[in-house]
Amino acid sequence: MKKINLLTWTLIGSVALLSSCSKDDDHADHCDSCHITIEGATGADSLAWHVTDANGEDIVFCGDDLHEAEESLTITTALSEENGGASLPAGTYTHEQGGYAIHCHED
């Protein structure tokens, strides 16, 4: 009986270990587009700029690039505000500095 219990727990432990490793691999391949927002006087996001390429297409970040994008983004050309507001000039924007926030998500 002890042998069966030990074998059962070993099997359960192996499955849990293998499934947690596959989740880590999925995270490494995770890709998202990002946008930069700035807070208004009420604390709510008031302006938002999608991070796009020269053709206006959303740039998709994956793996380590996604993690870095969530912390800081360098924009080489001005970005259009999604509701027709002021453009965001080229520059480096860091999450939660200068009133800016960077959000990365799937559409």
Protein backbone atom coordinates (compact mmCIF):
# COMPACT_ATOMS: atom_id res chain seq x y z
CA MET A 1 0.00 0.00 0.00
CA LYS A 2 2.85 2.39 0.85
CA LYS A 3 4.41 1.63 -2.52
CA ILE A 4 1.19 2.57 -4.35
CA ASN A 5 0.84 5.83 -2.37
CA LEU A 6 4.46 6.77 -3.07
CA LEU A 7 4.01 5.98 -6.76
CA THR A 8 0.79 8.03 -6.88
CA TRP A 9 2.42 11.07 -5.24
CA THR A 10 5.44 10.77 -7.51
CA LEU A 11 3.17 10.74 -10.56
CA ILE A 12 1.17 13.75 -9.31
CA GLY A 13 4.37 15.67 -8.58
CA SER A 14 5.77 14.89 -12.04
CA VAL A 15 2.61 16.09 -13.78
CA ALA A 16 2.57 19.30 -11.73
CA LEU A 17 6.24 19.99 -12.51
CA LEU A 18 5.83 19.37 -16.23
CA SER A 19 2.69 21.52 -16.48
CA SER A 20 4.36 24.43 -14.65
CA CYS A 21 7.31 24.28 -17.06
CA SER A 22 5.01 24.41 -20.08
CA LYS A 23 3.26 27.49 -18.65
CA ASP A 24 6.65 29.24 -18.36
CA ASP A 25 7.34 28.45 -22.02
CA ASP A 26 3.95 29.87 -23.00
CA HIS A 27 4.77 33.10 -21.13
CA ALA A 28 8.07 33.44 -23.01
CA ASP A 29 6.16 33.30 -26.32
CA HIS A 30 3.42 35.71 -25.17
CA CYS A 31 2.99 38.70 -27.48
CA ASP A 32 0.99 41.92 -27.07
CA SER A 33 0.60 45.38 -28.51
CA CYS A 34 1.10 48.37 -26.21
CA HIS A 35 -0.17 51.87 -25.71
CA ILE A 36 0.93 54.85 -23.65
CA THR A 37 -1.53 56.85 -21.59
CA ILE A 38 -1.34 59.98 -19.50
CA GLU A 39 -3.55 60.67 -16.51
CA GLY A 40 -5.95 63.58 -16.42
CA ALA A 41 -6.68 65.77 -13.40
CA THR A 42 -9.18 63.22 -12.05
CA GLY A 43 -6.60 60.40 -12.08
CA ALA A 44 -8.27 58.61 -14.99
CA ASP A 45 -6.47 58.00 -18.29
CA SER A 46 -7.33 60.95 -20.51
CA LEU A 47 -5.13 60.50 -23.59
CA ALA A 48 -3.88 57.27 -25.20
CA TRP A 49 -1.41 56.60 -27.99
CA HIS A 50 -1.03 53.14 -29.56
CA VAL A 51 2.58 52.22 -30.25
CA THR A 52 2.66 51.88 -34.02
CA ASP A 53 5.16 51.53 -36.84
CA ALA A 54 5.63 54.02 -39.70
CA ASN A 55 2.60 52.49 -41.48
CA GLY A 56 0.32 53.05 -38.49
CA GLU A 57 0.16 49.34 -37.63
CA ASP A 58 0.38 48.30 -33.97
CA ILE A 59 3.82 47.03 -33.03
CA VAL A 60 3.63 43.63 -31.32
CA PHE A 61 6.16 42.90 -28.60
CA CYS A 62 7.05 39.34 -27.50
CA GLY A 63 8.98 37.70 -24.67
CA ASP A 64 11.75 39.87 -23.22
CA ASP A 65 10.88 42.73 -25.59
CA LEU A 66 7.34 42.74 -24.15
CA HIS A 67 8.66 42.85 -20.59
CA GLU A 68 10.98 45.75 -21.49
CA ALA A 69 8.17 47.59 -23.33
CA GLU A 70 5.98 47.44 -20.22
CA GLU A 71 8.71 49.33 -18.34
CA SER A 72 10.02 51.80 -20.93
CA LEU A 73 9.45 52.58 -24.60
CA THR A 74 11.51 54.65 -27.01
CA ILE A 75 9.35 56.15 -29.73
CA THR A 76 11.19 57.29 -32.87
CA THR A 77 8.26 59.05 -34.58
CA ALA A 78 5.31 60.97 -33.14
CA LEU A 79 2.27 58.83 -32.29
CA SER A 80 -1.32 59.86 -33.04
CA GLU A 81 -3.71 60.03 -30.09
CA GLU A 82 -6.53 57.51 -30.51
CA ASN A 83 -9.32 60.11 -30.13
CA GLY A 84 -7.77 62.87 -32.23
CA GLY A 85 -5.95 64.60 -29.35
CA ALA A 86 -2.41 65.92 -29.37
CA SER A 87 0.32 63.76 -30.90
CA LEU A 88 2.92 62.19 -28.60
CA PRO A 89 6.37 63.41 -29.64
CA ALA A 90 9.27 61.03 -30.24
CA GLY A 91 11.20 60.22 -27.08
CA THR A 92 11.59 57.70 -24.29
CA TYR A 93 8.61 57.10 -22.03
CA THR A 94 8.93 55.21 -18.75
CA HIS A 95 6.00 53.58 -16.96
CA GLU A 96 4.65 55.70 -14.11
CA GLN A 97 7.05 58.59 -14.68
CA GLY A 98 6.00 62.04 -15.81
CA GLY A 99 2.32 61.08 -15.60
CA TYR A 100 2.70 58.46 -18.33
CA ALA A 101 1.69 54.82 -18.03
CA ILE A 102 2.45 51.97 -20.44
CA HIS A 103 -0.16 49.27 -20.94
CA CYS A 104 0.39 46.12 -22.99
CA HIS A 105 -2.54 43.84 -23.79
CA GLU A 106 -4.17 41.70 -26.41
CA ASP A 107 -6.83 43.47 -28.45
